[in-house]
Amino acid sequence: MSVVRHSSFSTDDLPERDRFDAWRTLFSAHDLDADPHGFSARIDTTQIGPVLLHVMNASPQRTGRTRSKIRQDGQERFTLLLSQHTYAIESDHGTQKVPPGAFTLNDLSQPYRRSRVRETNSLIVSLARDSVARLLPNEETLHGAILAGPTACLLAEHLRGLVAHRHTIGTDQALDIAQATLHLLAAIARPDRDRQAMASAPASMARLSASKRYIRSNLAKALTVEQIASAVGLSRTRLYHLFEPEGGVARYLMQQRLAAVRAALDDPHEGRNIGVISEAYGFGNFSHFSRTFREAYGQSPRDYRASRKTSGELELPSSPAAATWMRALG
């Protein structure tokens, strides 16, 4: 039976002076802060269909996402964190204290900051935005949610069970297990999201979410600001204003096209050549696409695809190209 993929990375394999720098490089999509003296960290990752499940142990560290990082990499994922320690998380909604055993859910396309805290078998789930949006529309409203209670305990036990049996999960079971995980998350997050929506009436966030969904669903088209604004019922001025935190409409559109191509190149079952893939996501000029891809990810599309053709146990050296799995961590 073919089993799902696993990977491990430990700083203990490196000289002490290099450990924190290697860890910070591995998580280059985040602003990490920690005492480099005596720093030690390990992460174990399992890919279960579209779900990435991580177990992290690390010296106390502070982490977060800034607007500059968001504009730079265009991450479109959510992270779900379960810690055994108390910490604080700061976002545009304010600062909240998170008790041990409670989940936090963060949207990597929005800024946040987590206080310094030790990682002791922390469970971190990385989810593609589309997977979340299918079950929880207006998913932007979930950012910063603290999830606790009996249903959250069920999800915690489910995730611990996956960790315990991760070496026996077959690839033919992965999609069903991933869907079960997503539905459990939705059962917890939906009531919290609805309460937040009633309390804050995030009309602007809902319009931004609708605009983003329209863009992601129409990447193959030669989209213009006028088309997008008309499709979601907004003026051009209002659309520009909503996308200011994203670096603008054009930047967001380019990031989504690049991310879609990158996801296709990550797929070992994708048989199309790179030129066909780039055209399918709205790039009419291959030279421009190739240059833009290299600027965004530090490799040519061809080299990036070659680097993804691995199987079995995955190595995670401390370089951005090899850290694709880790890029989504919160």
C-alpha atoms as a PDB file:
ATOM      1  CA  MET A   1       0.000   0.000   0.000  1.00  0.00           C
ATOM      2  CA  SER A   2       1.260   3.453  -0.915  1.00  0.00           C
ATOM      3  CA  VAL A   3       1.307   5.750   2.123  1.00  0.00           C
ATOM      4  CA  VAL A   4       1.086   9.524   2.338  1.00  0.00           C
ATOM      5  CA  ARG A   5       4.233  11.620   2.279  1.00  0.00           C
ATOM      6  CA  HIS A   6       6.160  12.630   5.373  1.00  0.00           C
ATOM      7  CA  SER A   7       9.011  14.989   6.080  1.00  0.00           C
ATOM      8  CA  SER A   8      11.068  16.025   9.090  1.00  0.00           C
ATOM      9  CA  PHE A   9      13.489  18.852   9.748  1.00  0.00           C
ATOM     10  CA  SER A  10      15.526  19.414  12.917  1.00  0.00           C
ATOM     11  CA  THR A  11      17.946  22.184  13.751  1.00  0.00           C
ATOM     12  CA  ASP A  12      19.823  19.765  16.017  1.00  0.00           C
ATOM     13  CA  ASP A  13      21.562  18.425  12.914  1.00  0.00           C
ATOM     14  CA  LEU A  14      23.282  21.813  12.467  1.00  0.00           C
ATOM     15  CA  PRO A  15      25.988  23.699  14.378  1.00  0.00           C
ATOM     16  CA  GLU A  16      24.398  25.727  17.165  1.00  0.00           C
ATOM     17  CA  ARG A  17      25.424  29.053  15.611  1.00  0.00           C
ATOM     18  CA  ASP A  18      23.462  28.210  12.436  1.00  0.00           C
ATOM     19  CA  ARG A  19      20.293  26.772  13.960  1.00  0.00           C
ATOM     20  CA  PHE A  20      18.040  29.794  14.276  1.00  0.00           C
ATOM     21  CA  ASP A  21      19.134  31.236  10.926  1.00  0.00           C
ATOM     22  CA  ALA A  22      18.295  27.925   9.236  1.00  0.00           C
ATOM     23  CA  TRP A  23      14.916  27.802  10.964  1.00  0.00           C
ATOM     24  CA  ARG A  24      14.145  31.389  10.000  1.00  0.00           C
ATOM     25  CA  THR A  25      15.137  30.693   6.400  1.00  0.00           C
ATOM     26  CA  LEU A  26      12.880  27.653   6.328  1.00  0.00           C
ATOM     27  CA  PHE A  27       9.962  29.845   7.403  1.00  0.00           C
ATOM     28  CA  SER A  28      10.909  32.813   5.269  1.00  0.00           C
ATOM     29  CA  ALA A  29       7.270  33.769   4.676  1.00  0.00           C
ATOM     30  CA  HIS A  30       7.037  34.775   8.334  1.00  0.00           C
ATOM     31  CA  ASP A  31       8.697  37.248  10.638  1.00  0.00           C
ATOM     32  CA  LEU A  32      10.300  35.052  13.282  1.00  0.00           C
ATOM     33  CA  ASP A  33      11.959  36.300  16.440  1.00  0.00           C
ATOM     34  CA  ALA A  34      13.718  34.145  19.039  1.00  0.00           C
ATOM     35  CA  ASP A  35      16.834  33.990  21.175  1.00  0.00           C
ATOM     36  CA  PRO A  36      19.422  32.333  18.898  1.00  0.00           C
ATOM     37  CA  HIS A  37      21.492  31.114  21.852  1.00  0.00           C
ATOM     38  CA  GLY A  38      20.587  27.514  22.595  1.00  0.00           C
ATOM     39  CA  PHE A  39      17.813  27.580  20.004  1.00  0.00           C
ATOM     40  CA  SER A  40      16.408  24.178  19.054  1.00  0.00           C
ATOM     41  CA  ALA A  41      13.480  23.238  16.842  1.00  0.00           C
ATOM     42  CA  ARG A  42      11.950  20.334  14.965  1.00  0.00           C
ATOM     43  CA  ILE A  43       8.977  20.002  12.645  1.00  0.00           C
ATOM     44  CA  ASP A  44       7.359  16.846  11.292  1.00  0.00           C
ATOM     45  CA  THR A  45       4.996  17.175   8.349  1.00  0.00           C
ATOM     46  CA  THR A  46       2.447  14.807   6.836  1.00  0.00           C
ATOM     47  CA  GLN A  47       0.579  15.564   3.619  1.00  0.00           C
ATOM     48  CA  ILE A  48      -2.956  14.153   3.723  1.00  0.00           C
ATOM     49  CA  GLY A  49      -4.530  15.075   0.415  1.00  0.00           C
ATOM     50  CA  PRO A  50      -4.839  18.880   0.369  1.00  0.00           C
ATOM     51  CA  VAL A  51      -4.218  19.089   4.125  1.00  0.00           C
ATOM     52  CA  LEU A  52      -0.744  19.576   5.606  1.00  0.00           C
ATOM     53  CA  LEU A  53      -0.468  18.413   9.219  1.00  0.00           C
ATOM     54  CA  HIS A  54       2.557  19.599  11.190  1.00  0.00           C
ATOM     55  CA  VAL A  55       3.861  18.747  14.657  1.00  0.00           C
ATOM     56  CA  MET A  56       6.249  21.404  15.941  1.00  0.00           C
ATOM     57  CA  ASN A  57       8.596  21.519  18.912  1.00  0.00           C
ATOM     58  CA  ALA A  58      10.713  24.641  19.306  1.00  0.00           C
ATOM     59  CA  SER A  59      12.329  27.046  21.712  1.00  0.00           C
ATOM     60  CA  PRO A  60      10.178  30.106  22.473  1.00  0.00           C
ATOM     61  CA  GLN A  61       9.579  32.088  19.294  1.00  0.00           C
ATOM     62  CA  ARG A  62       7.451  35.005  18.141  1.00  0.00           C
ATOM     63  CA  THR A  63       5.896  34.769  14.697  1.00  0.00           C
ATOM     64  CA  GLY A  64       3.553  36.649  12.416  1.00  0.00           C
ATOM     65  CA  ARG A  65       2.739  38.003   8.988  1.00  0.00           C
ATOM     66  CA  THR A  66       3.291  41.630   7.989  1.00  0.00           C
ATOM     67  CA  ARG A  67       1.676  43.491   5.111  1.00  0.00           C
ATOM     68  CA  SER A  68       5.014  43.606   3.306  1.00  0.00           C
ATOM     69  CA  LYS A  69       5.343  39.818   3.526  1.00  0.00           C
ATOM     70  CA  ILE A  70       1.770  39.423   2.309  1.00  0.00           C
ATOM     71  CA  ARG A  71       2.387  41.653  -0.710  1.00  0.00           C
ATOM     72  CA  GLN A  72       5.637  39.814  -1.429  1.00  0.00           C
ATOM     73  CA  ASP A  73       4.385  36.227  -1.550  1.00  0.00           C
ATOM     74  CA  GLY A  74       0.595  36.376  -1.962  1.00  0.00           C
ATOM     75  CA  GLN A  75      -0.055  33.434   0.341  1.00  0.00           C
ATOM     76  CA  GLU A  76      -3.656  32.224   0.113  1.00  0.00           C
ATOM     77  CA  ARG A  77      -3.849  29.676   2.898  1.00  0.00           C
ATOM     78  CA  PHE A  78      -5.222  29.299   6.403  1.00  0.00           C
ATOM     79  CA  THR A  79      -3.399  27.868   9.385  1.00  0.00           C
ATOM     80  CA  LEU A  80      -5.048  26.230  12.359  1.00  0.00           C
ATOM     81  CA  LEU A  81      -2.895  26.116  15.501  1.00  0.00           C
ATOM     82  CA  LEU A  82      -3.357  24.083  18.678  1.00  0.00           C
ATOM     83  CA  SER A  83      -0.844  24.944  21.422  1.00  0.00           C
ATOM     84  CA  GLN A  84      -0.347  23.586  24.917  1.00  0.00           C
ATOM     85  CA  HIS A  85       0.616  27.052  26.181  1.00  0.00           C
ATOM     86  CA  THR A  86      -1.055  30.411  26.733  1.00  0.00           C
ATOM     87  CA  TYR A  87      -0.189  33.122  24.216  1.00  0.00           C
ATOM     88  CA  ALA A  88      -1.574  36.342  22.750  1.00  0.00           C
ATOM     89  CA  ILE A  89      -2.421  37.025  19.124  1.00  0.00           C
ATOM     90  CA  GLU A  90      -2.710  40.506  17.646  1.00  0.00           C
ATOM     91  CA  SER A  91      -4.554  41.349  14.427  1.00  0.00           C
ATOM     92  CA  ASP A  92      -6.607  44.187  12.980  1.00  0.00           C
ATOM     93  CA  HIS A  93      -9.383  43.034  15.333  1.00  0.00           C
ATOM     94  CA  GLY A  94      -7.258  43.741  18.420  1.00  0.00           C
ATOM     95  CA  THR A  95      -5.285  41.554  20.817  1.00  0.00           C
ATOM     96  CA  GLN A  96      -6.729  38.333  22.194  1.00  0.00           C
ATOM     97  CA  LYS A  97      -5.446  35.919  24.821  1.00  0.00           C
ATOM     98  CA  VAL A  98      -5.518  32.274  23.751  1.00  0.00           C
ATOM     99  CA  PRO A  99      -5.706  29.628  26.500  1.00  0.00           C
ATOM    100  CA  PRO A 100      -3.971  26.244  26.303  1.00  0.00           C
ATOM    101  CA  GLY A 101      -5.949  23.733  24.269  1.00  0.00           C
ATOM    102  CA  ALA A 102      -7.803  26.307  22.158  1.00  0.00           C
ATOM    103  CA  PHE A 103      -7.377  26.579  18.393  1.00  0.00           C
ATOM    104  CA  THR A 104      -6.591  29.777  16.540  1.00  0.00           C
ATOM    105  CA  LEU A 105      -7.392  30.153  12.852  1.00  0.00           C
ATOM    106  CA  ASN A 106      -5.392  32.624  10.783  1.00  0.00           C
ATOM    107  CA  ASP A 107      -5.731  33.827   7.217  1.00  0.00           C
ATOM    108  CA  LEU A 108      -2.239  34.242   5.767  1.00  0.00           C
ATOM    109  CA  SER A 109      -3.461  36.988   3.438  1.00  0.00           C
ATOM    110  CA  GLN A 110      -4.108  39.178   6.501  1.00  0.00           C
ATOM    111  CA  PRO A 111      -1.553  40.490   9.018  1.00  0.00           C
ATOM    112  CA  TYR A 112      -1.214  39.153  12.543  1.00  0.00           C
ATOM    113  CA  ARG A 113       1.365  38.782  15.288  1.00  0.00           C
ATOM    114  CA  ARG A 114       1.688  35.991  17.857  1.00  0.00           C
ATOM    115  CA  SER A 115       3.492  36.515  21.164  1.00  0.00           C
ATOM    116  CA  ARG A 116       6.629  34.584  21.989  1.00  0.00           C
ATOM    117  CA  VAL A 117       5.786  31.087  23.206  1.00  0.00           C
ATOM    118  CA  ARG A 118       7.385  27.660  23.330  1.00  0.00           C
ATOM    119  CA  GLU A 119       6.192  24.999  20.904  1.00  0.00           C
ATOM    120  CA  THR A 120       5.506  21.715  22.693  1.00  0.00           C
ATOM    121  CA  ASN A 121       4.006  19.219  20.262  1.00  0.00           C
ATOM    122  CA  SER A 122       2.027  22.062  18.721  1.00  0.00           C
ATOM    123  CA  LEU A 123      -0.392  20.867  16.054  1.00  0.00           C
ATOM    124  CA  ILE A 124      -0.561  23.073  12.970  1.00  0.00           C
ATOM    125  CA  VAL A 125      -2.869  22.416  10.034  1.00  0.00           C
ATOM    126  CA  SER A 126      -2.286  24.234   6.753  1.00  0.00           C
ATOM    127  CA  LEU A 127      -5.298  24.530   4.454  1.00  0.00           C
ATOM    128  CA  ALA A 128      -5.756  25.923   0.954  1.00  0.00           C
ATOM    129  CA  ARG A 129      -8.132  28.875   0.875  1.00  0.00           C
ATOM    130  CA  ASP A 130     -10.410  27.220  -1.674  1.00  0.00           C
ATOM    131  CA  SER A 131     -10.856  24.196   0.600  1.00  0.00           C
ATOM    132  CA  VAL A 132     -12.005  26.470   3.419  1.00  0.00           C
ATOM    133  CA  ALA A 133     -14.153  28.712   1.216  1.00  0.00           C
ATOM    134  CA  ARG A 134     -16.153  25.781  -0.149  1.00  0.00           C
ATOM    135  CA  LEU A 135     -17.464  25.051   3.351  1.00  0.00           C
ATOM    136  CA  LEU A 136     -17.258  28.526   4.883  1.00  0.00           C
ATOM    137  CA  PRO A 137     -18.023  31.325   2.385  1.00  0.00           C
ATOM    138  CA  ASN A 138     -16.760  34.827   3.278  1.00  0.00           C
ATOM    139  CA  GLU A 139     -13.782  33.055   4.754  1.00  0.00           C
ATOM    140  CA  GLU A 140     -11.905  36.312   5.461  1.00  0.00           C
ATOM    141  CA  THR A 141     -14.137  36.795   8.508  1.00  0.00           C
ATOM    142  CA  LEU A 142     -12.506  33.757  10.132  1.00  0.00           C
ATOM    143  CA  HIS A 143      -9.143  35.467  10.591  1.00  0.00           C
ATOM    144  CA  GLY A 144      -8.101  35.532  14.232  1.00  0.00           C
ATOM    145  CA  ALA A 145     -10.908  33.252  15.408  1.00  0.00           C
ATOM    146  CA  ILE A 146     -10.343  31.386  18.684  1.00  0.00           C
ATOM    147  CA  LEU A 147     -12.064  28.006  18.614  1.00  0.00           C
ATOM    148  CA  ALA A 148     -12.758  26.142  21.844  1.00  0.00           C
ATOM    149  CA  GLY A 149     -15.388  23.964  23.471  1.00  0.00           C
ATOM    150  CA  PRO A 150     -16.550  20.339  23.083  1.00  0.00           C
ATOM    151  CA  THR A 151     -16.486  20.318  19.276  1.00  0.00           C
ATOM    152  CA  ALA A 152     -12.975  21.751  19.274  1.00  0.00           C
ATOM    153  CA  CYS A 153     -11.948  18.896  21.571  1.00  0.00           C
ATOM    154  CA  LEU A 154     -13.274  16.444  18.975  1.00  0.00           C
ATOM    155  CA  LEU A 155     -11.122  18.070  16.303  1.00  0.00           C
ATOM    156  CA  ALA A 156      -8.087  17.986  18.594  1.00  0.00           C
ATOM    157  CA  GLU A 157      -8.536  14.262  19.226  1.00  0.00           C
ATOM    158  CA  HIS A 158      -9.029  13.671  15.508  1.00  0.00           C
ATOM    159  CA  LEU A 159      -5.753  15.456  14.686  1.00  0.00           C
ATOM    160  CA  ARG A 160      -3.847  13.619  17.418  1.00  0.00           C
ATOM    161  CA  GLY A 161      -5.146  10.358  15.989  1.00  0.00           C
ATOM    162  CA  LEU A 162      -3.873  11.309  12.545  1.00  0.00           C
ATOM    163  CA  VAL A 163      -0.460  12.087  14.004  1.00  0.00           C
ATOM    164  CA  ALA A 164      -0.355   8.770  15.857  1.00  0.00           C
ATOM    165  CA  HIS A 165      -1.241   6.793  12.720  1.00  0.00           C
ATOM    166  CA  ARG A 166       0.380   9.002  10.076  1.00  0.00           C
ATOM    167  CA  HIS A 167       2.758   6.285   8.899  1.00  0.00           C
ATOM    168  CA  THR A 168      -0.129   3.954   8.059  1.00  0.00           C
ATOM    169  CA  ILE A 169      -2.431   6.353   6.183  1.00  0.00           C
ATOM    170  CA  GLY A 170      -2.766   5.191   2.589  1.00  0.00           C
ATOM    171  CA  THR A 171      -2.848   7.592  -0.330  1.00  0.00           C
ATOM    172  CA  ASP A 172      -6.213   6.108  -1.326  1.00  0.00           C
ATOM    173  CA  GLN A 173      -7.617   7.176   2.064  1.00  0.00           C
ATOM    174  CA  ALA A 174      -6.092  10.647   2.147  1.00  0.00           C
ATOM    175  CA  LEU A 175      -8.828  12.605   0.386  1.00  0.00           C
ATOM    176  CA  ASP A 176     -11.625  11.188   2.556  1.00  0.00           C
ATOM    177  CA  ILE A 177      -9.627  11.883   5.722  1.00  0.00           C
ATOM    178  CA  ALA A 178      -8.898  15.429   4.567  1.00  0.00           C
ATOM    179  CA  GLN A 179     -12.587  16.052   3.890  1.00  0.00           C
ATOM    180  CA  ALA A 180     -13.525  14.738   7.327  1.00  0.00           C
ATOM    181  CA  THR A 181     -10.979  17.120   8.856  1.00  0.00           C
ATOM    182  CA  LEU A 182     -12.366  20.085   6.922  1.00  0.00           C
ATOM    183  CA  HIS A 183     -15.953  19.278   7.895  1.00  0.00           C
ATOM    184  CA  LEU A 184     -14.993  19.061  11.559  1.00  0.00           C
ATOM    185  CA  LEU A 185     -13.323  22.456  11.289  1.00  0.00           C
ATOM    186  CA  ALA A 186     -16.410  23.901   9.603  1.00  0.00           C
ATOM    187  CA  ALA A 187     -18.634  22.573  12.394  1.00  0.00           C
ATOM    188  CA  ILE A 188     -16.533  24.509  14.917  1.00  0.00           C
ATOM    189  CA  ALA A 189     -15.822  27.661  12.933  1.00  0.00           C
ATOM    190  CA  ARG A 190     -19.228  28.318  11.387  1.00  0.00           C
ATOM    191  CA  PRO A 191     -20.998  29.416  14.602  1.00  0.00           C
ATOM    192  CA  ASP A 192     -18.025  31.594  15.566  1.00  0.00           C
ATOM    193  CA  ARG A 193     -17.909  33.173  12.109  1.00  0.00           C
ATOM    194  CA  ASP A 194     -21.643  33.883  12.186  1.00  0.00           C
ATOM    195  CA  ARG A 195     -21.392  35.550  15.596  1.00  0.00           C
ATOM    196  CA  GLN A 196     -18.550  37.753  14.393  1.00  0.00           C
ATOM    197  CA  ALA A 197     -20.447  38.700  11.256  1.00  0.00           C
ATOM    198  CA  MET A 198     -23.503  39.742  13.274  1.00  0.00           C
ATOM    199  CA  ALA A 199     -21.386  41.749  15.695  1.00  0.00           C
ATOM    200  CA  SER A 200     -19.193  43.604  13.223  1.00  0.00           C
ATOM    201  CA  ALA A 201     -21.187  43.536   9.957  1.00  0.00           C
ATOM    202  CA  PRO A 202     -18.030  43.222   7.819  1.00  0.00           C
ATOM    203  CA  ALA A 203     -19.577  44.397   4.550  1.00  0.00           C
ATOM    204  CA  SER A 204     -16.259  45.514   3.122  1.00  0.00           C
ATOM    205  CA  MET A 205     -14.638  42.202   3.979  1.00  0.00           C
ATOM    206  CA  ALA A 206     -17.490  40.317   2.315  1.00  0.00           C
ATOM    207  CA  ARG A 207     -17.088  42.411  -0.851  1.00  0.00           C
ATOM    208  CA  LEU A 208     -13.345  41.823  -0.845  1.00  0.00           C
ATOM    209  CA  SER A 209     -13.951  38.100  -0.427  1.00  0.00           C
ATOM    210  CA  ALA A 210     -16.389  38.084  -3.358  1.00  0.00           C
ATOM    211  CA  SER A 211     -13.908  39.985  -5.508  1.00  0.00           C
ATOM    212  CA  LYS A 212     -11.118  37.557  -4.669  1.00  0.00           C
ATOM    213  CA  ARG A 213     -13.312  34.551  -5.432  1.00  0.00           C
ATOM    214  CA  TYR A 214     -14.246  36.036  -8.800  1.00  0.00           C
ATOM    215  CA  ILE A 215     -10.589  36.614  -9.654  1.00  0.00           C
ATOM    216  CA  ARG A 216      -9.545  33.106  -8.599  1.00  0.00           C
ATOM    217  CA  SER A 217     -12.372  31.585 -10.654  1.00  0.00           C
ATOM    218  CA  ASN A 218     -11.466  33.499 -13.818  1.00  0.00           C
ATOM    219  CA  LEU A 219      -7.678  33.437 -13.994  1.00  0.00           C
ATOM    220  CA  ALA A 220      -7.709  32.251 -17.610  1.00  0.00           C
ATOM    221  CA  LYS A 221      -9.513  35.411 -18.738  1.00  0.00           C
ATOM    222  CA  ALA A 222      -7.874  38.713 -19.639  1.00  0.00           C
ATOM    223  CA  LEU A 223      -9.390  40.361 -16.585  1.00  0.00           C
ATOM    224  CA  THR A 224      -9.615  44.123 -16.240  1.00  0.00           C
ATOM    225  CA  VAL A 225     -10.507  46.211 -13.222  1.00  0.00           C
ATOM    226  CA  GLU A 226     -13.718  47.235 -14.975  1.00  0.00           C
ATOM    227  CA  GLN A 227     -14.745  43.594 -15.510  1.00  0.00           C
ATOM    228  CA  ILE A 228     -14.039  42.624 -11.919  1.00  0.00           C
ATOM    229  CA  ALA A 229     -15.832  45.657 -10.496  1.00  0.00           C
ATOM    230  CA  SER A 230     -18.862  45.055 -12.701  1.00  0.00           C
ATOM    231  CA  ALA A 231     -19.013  41.353 -11.830  1.00  0.00           C
ATOM    232  CA  VAL A 232     -19.135  42.016  -8.080  1.00  0.00           C
ATOM    233  CA  GLY A 233     -21.242  45.173  -8.213  1.00  0.00           C
ATOM    234  CA  LEU A 234     -18.612  47.708  -7.152  1.00  0.00           C
ATOM    235  CA  SER A 235     -17.226  50.911  -8.586  1.00  0.00           C
ATOM    236  CA  ARG A 236     -13.637  50.938  -9.803  1.00  0.00           C
ATOM    237  CA  THR A 237     -12.719  53.366  -7.026  1.00  0.00           C
ATOM    238  CA  ARG A 238     -14.228  51.123  -4.362  1.00  0.00           C
ATOM    239  CA  LEU A 239     -12.474  48.053  -5.780  1.00  0.00           C
ATOM    240  CA  TYR A 240      -9.123  49.851  -5.765  1.00  0.00           C
ATOM    241  CA  HIS A 241      -9.708  50.874  -2.146  1.00  0.00           C
ATOM    242  CA  LEU A 242     -10.564  47.326  -1.042  1.00  0.00           C
ATOM    243  CA  PHE A 243      -7.371  45.945  -2.592  1.00  0.00           C
ATOM    244  CA  GLU A 244      -5.003  48.563  -1.180  1.00  0.00           C
ATOM    245  CA  PRO A 245      -3.835  46.234   1.648  1.00  0.00           C
ATOM    246  CA  GLU A 246      -3.108  43.581  -1.019  1.00  0.00           C
ATOM    247  CA  GLY A 247      -0.861  45.944  -2.973  1.00  0.00           C
ATOM    248  CA  GLY A 248      -3.516  46.630  -5.596  1.00  0.00           C
ATOM    249  CA  VAL A 249      -5.826  44.674  -7.878  1.00  0.00           C
ATOM    250  CA  ALA A 250      -3.167  43.971 -10.503  1.00  0.00           C
ATOM    251  CA  ARG A 251      -0.687  42.661  -7.940  1.00  0.00           C
ATOM    252  CA  TYR A 252      -3.281  40.355  -6.389  1.00  0.00           C
ATOM    253  CA  LEU A 253      -4.285  39.033  -9.825  1.00  0.00           C
ATOM    254  CA  MET A 254      -0.650  38.353 -10.726  1.00  0.00           C
ATOM    255  CA  GLN A 255      -0.025  36.610  -7.393  1.00  0.00           C
ATOM    256  CA  GLN A 256      -3.023  34.351  -7.911  1.00  0.00           C
ATOM    257  CA  ARG A 257      -1.953  33.419 -11.427  1.00  0.00           C
ATOM    258  CA  LEU A 258       1.547  32.617 -10.237  1.00  0.00           C
ATOM    259  CA  ALA A 259       0.207  30.612  -7.292  1.00  0.00           C
ATOM    260  CA  ALA A 260      -2.078  28.611  -9.599  1.00  0.00           C
ATOM    261  CA  VAL A 261       0.816  27.767 -11.927  1.00  0.00           C
ATOM    262  CA  ARG A 262       3.006  26.860  -8.959  1.00  0.00           C
ATOM    263  CA  ALA A 263       0.308  24.533  -7.603  1.00  0.00           C
ATOM    264  CA  ALA A 264       0.096  22.833 -10.997  1.00  0.00           C
ATOM    265  CA  LEU A 265       3.874  22.386 -11.084  1.00  0.00           C
ATOM    266  CA  ASP A 266       3.700  20.884  -7.577  1.00  0.00           C
ATOM    267  CA  ASP A 267       1.231  18.249  -8.824  1.00  0.00           C
ATOM    268  CA  PRO A 268       3.080  15.049  -9.826  1.00  0.00           C
ATOM    269  CA  HIS A 269       0.064  14.018 -11.921  1.00  0.00           C
ATOM    270  CA  GLU A 270       0.056  17.220 -14.014  1.00  0.00           C
ATOM    271  CA  GLY A 271       1.161  16.182 -17.494  1.00  0.00           C
ATOM    272  CA  ARG A 272       0.853  19.465 -19.401  1.00  0.00           C
ATOM    273  CA  ASN A 273       3.983  21.332 -20.406  1.00  0.00           C
ATOM    274  CA  ILE A 274       4.803  24.578 -18.632  1.00  0.00           C
ATOM    275  CA  GLY A 275       3.779  26.806 -21.528  1.00  0.00           C
ATOM    276  CA  VAL A 276       0.311  25.266 -21.704  1.00  0.00           C
ATOM    277  CA  ILE A 277      -0.109  25.583 -17.938  1.00  0.00           C
ATOM    278  CA  SER A 278       0.909  29.245 -17.951  1.00  0.00           C
ATOM    279  CA  GLU A 279      -1.564  30.015 -20.753  1.00  0.00           C
ATOM    280  CA  ALA A 280      -4.322  28.230 -18.840  1.00  0.00           C
ATOM    281  CA  TYR A 281      -3.888  30.725 -16.009  1.00  0.00           C
ATOM    282  CA  GLY A 282      -3.828  33.897 -18.079  1.00  0.00           C
ATOM    283  CA  PHE A 283      -0.185  34.357 -19.105  1.00  0.00           C
ATOM    284  CA  GLY A 284      -0.154  35.205 -22.808  1.00  0.00           C
ATOM    285  CA  ASN A 285       3.599  35.733 -23.085  1.00  0.00           C
ATOM    286  CA  PHE A 286       5.819  32.885 -21.911  1.00  0.00           C
ATOM    287  CA  SER A 287       8.961  35.003 -21.566  1.00  0.00           C
ATOM    288  CA  HIS A 288       7.131  37.468 -19.336  1.00  0.00           C
ATOM    289  CA  PHE A 289       5.652  34.608 -17.313  1.00  0.00           C
ATOM    290  CA  SER A 290       9.020  32.888 -16.869  1.00  0.00           C
ATOM    291  CA  ARG A 291      10.700  36.114 -15.766  1.00  0.00           C
ATOM    292  CA  THR A 292       7.882  36.941 -13.329  1.00  0.00           C
ATOM    293  CA  PHE A 293       7.900  33.412 -11.891  1.00  0.00           C
ATOM    294  CA  ARG A 294      11.659  33.580 -11.281  1.00  0.00           C
ATOM    295  CA  GLU A 295      11.323  36.964  -9.568  1.00  0.00           C
ATOM    296  CA  ALA A 296       8.580  35.607  -7.296  1.00  0.00           C
ATOM    297  CA  TYR A 297      10.046  32.210  -6.381  1.00  0.00           C
ATOM    298  CA  GLY A 298      13.766  32.445  -7.064  1.00  0.00           C
ATOM    299  CA  GLN A 299      13.776  29.687  -9.718  1.00  0.00           C
ATOM    300  CA  SER A 300      12.764  29.277 -13.320  1.00  0.00           C
ATOM    301  CA  PRO A 301       9.489  27.353 -13.802  1.00  0.00           C
ATOM    302  CA  ARG A 302      11.458  24.465 -15.296  1.00  0.00           C
ATOM    303  CA  ASP A 303      13.862  24.253 -12.345  1.00  0.00           C
ATOM    304  CA  TYR A 304      11.008  24.598  -9.871  1.00  0.00           C
ATOM    305  CA  ARG A 305       9.120  21.707 -11.450  1.00  0.00           C
ATOM    306  CA  ALA A 306      12.251  19.550 -11.437  1.00  0.00           C
ATOM    307  CA  SER A 307      12.755  20.273  -7.732  1.00  0.00           C
ATOM    308  CA  ARG A 308       9.239  19.002  -6.969  1.00  0.00           C
ATOM    309  CA  LYS A 309       9.717  15.609  -8.610  1.00  0.00           C
ATOM    310  CA  THR A 310      10.534  13.765  -5.419  1.00  0.00           C
ATOM    311  CA  SER A 311       8.884  10.788  -3.772  1.00  0.00           C
ATOM    312  CA  GLY A 312       8.843   8.971  -0.463  1.00  0.00           C
ATOM    313  CA  GLU A 313      10.553  10.704   2.456  1.00  0.00           C
ATOM    314  CA  LEU A 314      11.044  14.388   1.655  1.00  0.00           C
ATOM    315  CA  GLU A 315      14.163  16.348   2.573  1.00  0.00           C
ATOM    316  CA  LEU A 316      13.753  19.869   3.907  1.00  0.00           C
ATOM    317  CA  PRO A 317      17.077  21.693   3.574  1.00  0.00           C
ATOM    318  CA  SER A 318      17.116  25.299   4.657  1.00  0.00           C
ATOM    319  CA  SER A 319      16.390  26.999   1.345  1.00  0.00           C
ATOM    320  CA  PRO A 320      13.223  28.756   0.196  1.00  0.00           C
ATOM    321  CA  ALA A 321      12.800  26.491  -2.830  1.00  0.00           C
ATOM    322  CA  ALA A 322      12.852  23.356  -0.696  1.00  0.00           C
ATOM    323  CA  ALA A 323      10.627  24.871   1.973  1.00  0.00           C
ATOM    324  CA  THR A 324       7.411  24.930  -0.057  1.00  0.00           C
ATOM    325  CA  TRP A 325       5.555  22.795   2.497  1.00  0.00           C
ATOM    326  CA  MET A 326       6.574  25.132   5.288  1.00  0.00           C
ATOM    327  CA  ARG A 327       5.761  28.388   3.563  1.00  0.00           C
ATOM    328  CA  ALA A 328       2.163  28.257   4.731  1.00  0.00           C
ATOM    329  CA  LEU A 329       2.806  27.903   8.435  1.00  0.00           C
ATOM    330  CA  GLY A 330       1.432  30.462  10.864  1.00  0.00           C
END
